[in-house]
C-alpha cells in the first residue's frame, strides 16, 4: 500500500515540487496550502507522515504540531525559512521528528521522509515490545538481549520504554517526565539525567559497547542503535 504524505506548505510552486518528487519516490502526496484545515485532515485521513511548514496562513506549524500530538504519533517533519535555534527547540519539544531549513533540495526532503518512515516511530504493544536488539517485558520490568537479561526499576523501565517506542525521535526532559511520572510531579532536569545515567549503566551490562540512548545537547535524549 502506498504511503500517503500530507504536505502543508503555503508556497504553491514549492508544494507542487515536493508533491512531484514524493510521487516520483512512489508516495501518495496530498497538498494543503494553509494551516487551518491541517489538524482535521490528519484526524480524518491518518497520513503516514506530515511535511509541515512553520509559517502558514490560518494556523502556524507549531500550533498544528501541538494539536496533532494530542491525538496522533504520526511522524512530522517541520520545514521553515527560520534558522533561529529557538524555533528548532520548540518544534522538537512539541514532538516533531525532524527539521529541514529552507532553501532545501527536494531530494533531501524525500531522503528525510524515507529515513523517518524507516525508523517507524509507531507505538508498540505496552506489555511487550521489540525494536533492534532489545525485548521489553513490562509485567516483569525485565529487558532481554542476546540471551542476557536485566531487571529495571519501574522508573527506569518507563524511561526506556518511552524512548524505545520512538526510535530516532528526540524526547525532551519534560516529555520524559510526563511519561515516567503518572502523578505529573515536578522534578528537575538533573533527576531525569540521573535516571538516564543509571539506565545506561544497566544497558551496558546487557549490551557492552553498544550505545542505545543518545544525548542531544540542550534538547533531550533519543533511542538509536550504534
Protein backbone atom coordinates (compact mmCIF):
# COMPACT_ATOMS: atom_id res chain seq x y z
CA UNK A 1 0.00 0.00 0.00
CA UNK A 2 1.38 3.40 -0.99
CA UNK A 3 2.20 5.63 1.97
CA UNK A 4 0.24 8.89 1.98
CA UNK A 5 2.21 12.04 2.81
CA UNK A 6 0.49 15.30 3.72
CA UNK A 7 2.39 18.41 2.59
CA UNK A 8 1.30 21.61 4.37
CA UNK A 9 3.08 24.43 2.52
CA UNK A 10 1.76 27.86 1.54
CA UNK A 11 4.10 28.41 -1.42
CA UNK A 12 2.21 26.71 -4.29
CA UNK A 13 5.23 26.13 -6.54
CA UNK A 14 7.26 24.61 -3.72
CA UNK A 15 4.32 22.49 -2.58
CA UNK A 16 3.79 21.14 -6.11
CA UNK A 17 7.52 20.47 -6.50
CA UNK A 18 7.56 18.47 -3.28
CA UNK A 19 4.48 16.56 -4.42
CA UNK A 20 6.15 15.68 -7.72
CA UNK A 21 9.32 14.45 -6.01
CA UNK A 22 7.35 12.45 -3.45
CA UNK A 23 5.26 10.86 -6.19
CA UNK A 24 8.47 10.08 -8.04
CA UNK A 25 9.55 8.18 -4.92
CA UNK A 26 6.28 6.20 -5.00
CA UNK A 27 4.49 8.12 -2.25
CA UNK A 28 0.93 9.41 -2.46
CA UNK A 29 1.25 13.15 -1.72
CA UNK A 30 -1.62 15.44 -0.73
CA UNK A 31 -1.31 19.25 -0.52
CA UNK A 32 -2.73 21.86 1.82
CA UNK A 33 -1.79 25.49 1.15
CA UNK A 34 -2.84 26.88 4.53
CA UNK A 35 -2.90 25.65 8.10
CA UNK A 36 -6.46 25.98 9.34
CA UNK A 37 -7.65 22.63 7.98
CA UNK A 38 -4.49 20.60 8.64
CA UNK A 39 -5.42 19.14 12.05
CA UNK A 40 -8.82 17.90 10.91
CA UNK A 41 -7.28 16.49 7.72
CA UNK A 42 -4.77 14.47 9.74
CA UNK A 43 -7.52 13.26 12.06
CA UNK A 44 -9.76 12.19 9.16
CA UNK A 45 -7.14 10.69 6.84
CA UNK A 46 -4.37 9.27 9.07
CA UNK A 47 -1.38 10.00 6.79
CA UNK A 48 1.87 8.09 7.11
CA UNK A 49 3.81 11.36 7.58
CA UNK A 50 3.27 15.14 7.60
CA UNK A 51 5.61 17.68 5.98
CA UNK A 52 4.70 20.81 7.90
CA UNK A 53 5.82 24.36 7.19
CA UNK A 54 6.37 26.56 10.25
CA UNK A 55 4.90 29.82 8.93
CA UNK A 56 1.42 29.28 7.48
CA UNK A 57 -1.70 31.37 6.96
CA UNK A 58 -4.67 30.35 9.07
CA UNK A 59 -2.72 28.43 11.72
CA UNK A 60 1.04 28.18 12.22
CA UNK A 61 3.01 24.96 12.11
CA UNK A 62 3.85 24.84 15.82
CA UNK A 63 0.16 25.09 16.76
CA UNK A 64 -0.67 22.34 14.27
CA UNK A 65 2.11 20.14 15.63
CA UNK A 66 0.91 20.65 19.21
CA UNK A 67 -2.71 19.82 18.35
CA UNK A 68 -1.83 16.77 16.25
CA UNK A 69 0.38 15.39 19.03
CA UNK A 70 -2.66 15.46 21.33
CA UNK A 71 -4.19 12.55 19.39
CA UNK A 72 -1.60 11.11 17.00
CA UNK A 73 2.01 9.89 16.82
CA UNK A 74 2.15 10.44 13.04
CA UNK A 75 5.75 11.38 12.07
CA UNK A 76 6.12 15.13 11.48
CA UNK A 77 8.94 16.84 9.59
CA UNK A 78 8.87 20.60 10.00
CA UNK A 79 10.16 22.92 7.28
CA UNK A 80 10.95 26.59 7.70
CA UNK A 81 12.91 29.55 6.43
CA UNK A 82 13.82 30.43 10.02
CA UNK A 83 17.24 29.39 11.26
CA UNK A 84 16.67 30.54 14.83
CA UNK A 85 17.66 27.83 17.31
CA UNK A 86 14.62 28.52 19.49
CA UNK A 87 12.29 27.52 16.64
CA UNK A 88 14.06 24.18 16.33
CA UNK A 89 13.89 23.54 20.07
CA UNK A 90 10.21 24.46 20.29
CA UNK A 91 9.42 22.22 17.32
CA UNK A 92 11.22 19.28 18.89
CA UNK A 93 9.65 20.00 22.27
CA UNK A 94 6.22 19.68 20.68
CA UNK A 95 7.07 16.32 19.14
CA UNK A 96 8.40 16.99 15.63
CA UNK A 97 10.54 14.12 14.34
CA UNK A 98 12.86 16.17 12.14
CA UNK A 99 13.53 19.71 10.95
CA UNK A 100 14.57 20.98 7.49
CA UNK A 101 15.56 24.61 6.84
CA UNK A 102 14.88 26.41 3.55
CA UNK A 103 16.28 26.63 1.00
CA UNK A 104 16.48 22.87 0.69
CA UNK A 105 16.77 20.32 -2.07
CA UNK A 106 13.54 18.35 -2.71
CA UNK A 107 15.76 15.27 -2.91
CA UNK A 108 16.96 15.99 0.63
CA UNK A 109 13.38 16.25 1.84
CA UNK A 110 12.49 12.92 0.21
CA UNK A 111 15.55 11.36 1.85
CA UNK A 112 14.44 12.70 5.23
CA UNK A 113 10.95 11.31 4.65
CA UNK A 114 12.37 7.88 3.86
CA UNK A 115 14.60 7.98 6.94
CA UNK A 116 11.80 8.97 9.32
CA UNK A 117 9.42 6.38 7.91
CA UNK A 118 12.16 3.77 8.10
CA UNK A 119 12.55 4.47 11.81
CA UNK A 120 8.86 3.69 12.09
CA UNK A 121 8.01 5.67 15.27
CA UNK A 122 4.92 3.57 15.93
CA UNK A 123 3.71 2.69 19.38
CA UNK A 124 4.26 -0.93 20.33
CA UNK A 125 2.27 -3.32 22.47
CA UNK A 126 2.51 -1.87 26.01
CA UNK A 127 3.08 -5.28 27.60
CA UNK A 128 5.88 -6.49 25.37
CA UNK A 129 7.81 -4.74 22.62
CA UNK A 130 10.83 -5.35 20.45
CA UNK A 131 12.94 -2.99 18.39
CA UNK A 132 16.51 -3.66 17.41
CA UNK A 133 18.32 -5.86 19.92
CA UNK A 134 16.04 -5.26 22.93
CA UNK A 135 12.91 -7.07 24.09
CA UNK A 136 10.97 -5.31 26.85
CA UNK A 137 8.53 -7.04 29.19
CA UNK A 138 6.51 -4.57 31.25
CA UNK A 139 4.93 -7.20 33.51
CA UNK A 140 8.32 -8.25 34.91
CA UNK A 141 10.22 -4.96 34.32
CA UNK A 142 12.87 -7.04 32.54
CA UNK A 143 14.81 -6.37 29.35
CA UNK A 144 16.38 -9.13 27.25
CA UNK A 145 19.02 -9.04 24.52
CA UNK A 146 21.30 -11.67 23.01
CA UNK A 147 20.47 -14.27 25.64
CA UNK A 148 21.05 -11.95 28.61
CA UNK A 149 18.55 -10.26 30.87
CA UNK A 150 18.44 -7.33 33.30
CA UNK A 151 15.81 -6.06 35.69
CA UNK A 152 14.97 -2.36 35.89
CA UNK A 153 13.17 -0.19 38.40
CA UNK A 154 9.70 0.99 37.42
CA UNK A 155 11.01 4.47 36.59
CA UNK A 156 13.94 3.11 34.56
CA UNK A 157 11.62 0.81 32.62
CA UNK A 158 9.16 3.62 31.86
CA UNK A 159 12.05 5.80 30.69
CA UNK A 160 13.46 3.10 28.40
CA UNK A 161 10.00 2.21 27.09
CA UNK A 162 9.25 5.83 26.15
CA UNK A 163 12.49 6.12 24.17
CA UNK A 164 12.28 2.59 22.74
CA UNK A 165 8.79 3.19 21.33
CA UNK A 166 10.01 6.14 19.26
CA UNK A 167 13.41 5.20 17.82
CA UNK A 168 15.22 8.18 16.37
CA UNK A 169 12.79 10.71 17.85
CA UNK A 170 14.21 13.26 20.29
CA UNK A 171 12.26 13.39 23.54
CA UNK A 172 12.80 16.40 25.78
CA UNK A 173 13.27 16.04 29.51
CA UNK A 174 9.78 17.45 30.07
CA UNK A 175 8.27 14.88 27.73
CA UNK A 176 10.12 12.10 29.54
CA UNK A 177 8.92 13.43 32.91
CA UNK A 178 5.32 13.23 31.68
CA UNK A 179 5.82 9.63 30.57
CA UNK A 180 7.54 8.26 33.66
CA UNK A 181 5.62 10.05 36.43
CA UNK A 182 1.87 9.39 36.33
CA UNK A 183 1.24 11.98 39.05
CA UNK A 184 2.96 14.68 36.93
CA UNK A 185 5.20 15.63 39.82
CA UNK A 186 7.73 18.40 39.28
CA UNK A 187 11.30 17.14 39.15
CA UNK A 188 14.50 18.75 37.96
CA UNK A 189 16.39 18.07 34.75
CA UNK A 190 19.12 16.55 36.91
CA UNK A 191 16.68 13.90 38.13
CA UNK A 192 15.98 12.78 34.57
CA UNK A 193 19.70 12.85 33.74
CA UNK A 194 20.41 10.71 36.81
CA UNK A 195 17.83 8.10 35.76
CA UNK A 196 19.29 8.07 32.23
CA UNK A 197 22.81 7.53 33.57
CA UNK A 198 21.67 4.61 35.74
CA UNK A 199 19.75 3.11 32.83
CA UNK A 200 22.77 3.44 30.54
CA UNK A 201 24.94 1.57 33.05
CA UNK A 202 22.46 -1.30 33.20
CA UNK A 203 22.13 -1.44 29.41
CA UNK A 204 25.91 -1.52 29.19
CA UNK A 205 25.82 -4.73 31.27
CA UNK A 206 23.34 -6.17 28.78
CA UNK A 207 25.00 -4.95 25.59
CA UNK A 208 28.59 -3.88 26.26
CA UNK A 209 29.98 -1.22 23.92
CA UNK A 210 26.56 -0.55 22.37
CA UNK A 211 25.26 2.99 22.89
CA UNK A 212 21.47 2.91 22.64
CA UNK A 213 20.47 6.13 24.42
CA UNK A 214 21.99 9.22 22.83
CA UNK A 215 22.15 12.70 24.36
CA UNK A 216 21.06 15.67 22.23
CA UNK A 217 22.69 18.69 23.80
CA UNK A 218 20.22 21.24 25.12
CA UNK A 219 17.17 19.24 23.99
CA UNK A 220 16.90 15.74 25.47
CA UNK A 221 17.52 12.11 24.52
CA UNK A 222 16.77 9.65 21.73
CA UNK A 223 16.95 5.87 21.32
CA UNK A 224 19.04 4.74 18.38
CA UNK A 225 21.36 1.83 17.82
CA UNK A 226 25.09 2.37 17.38
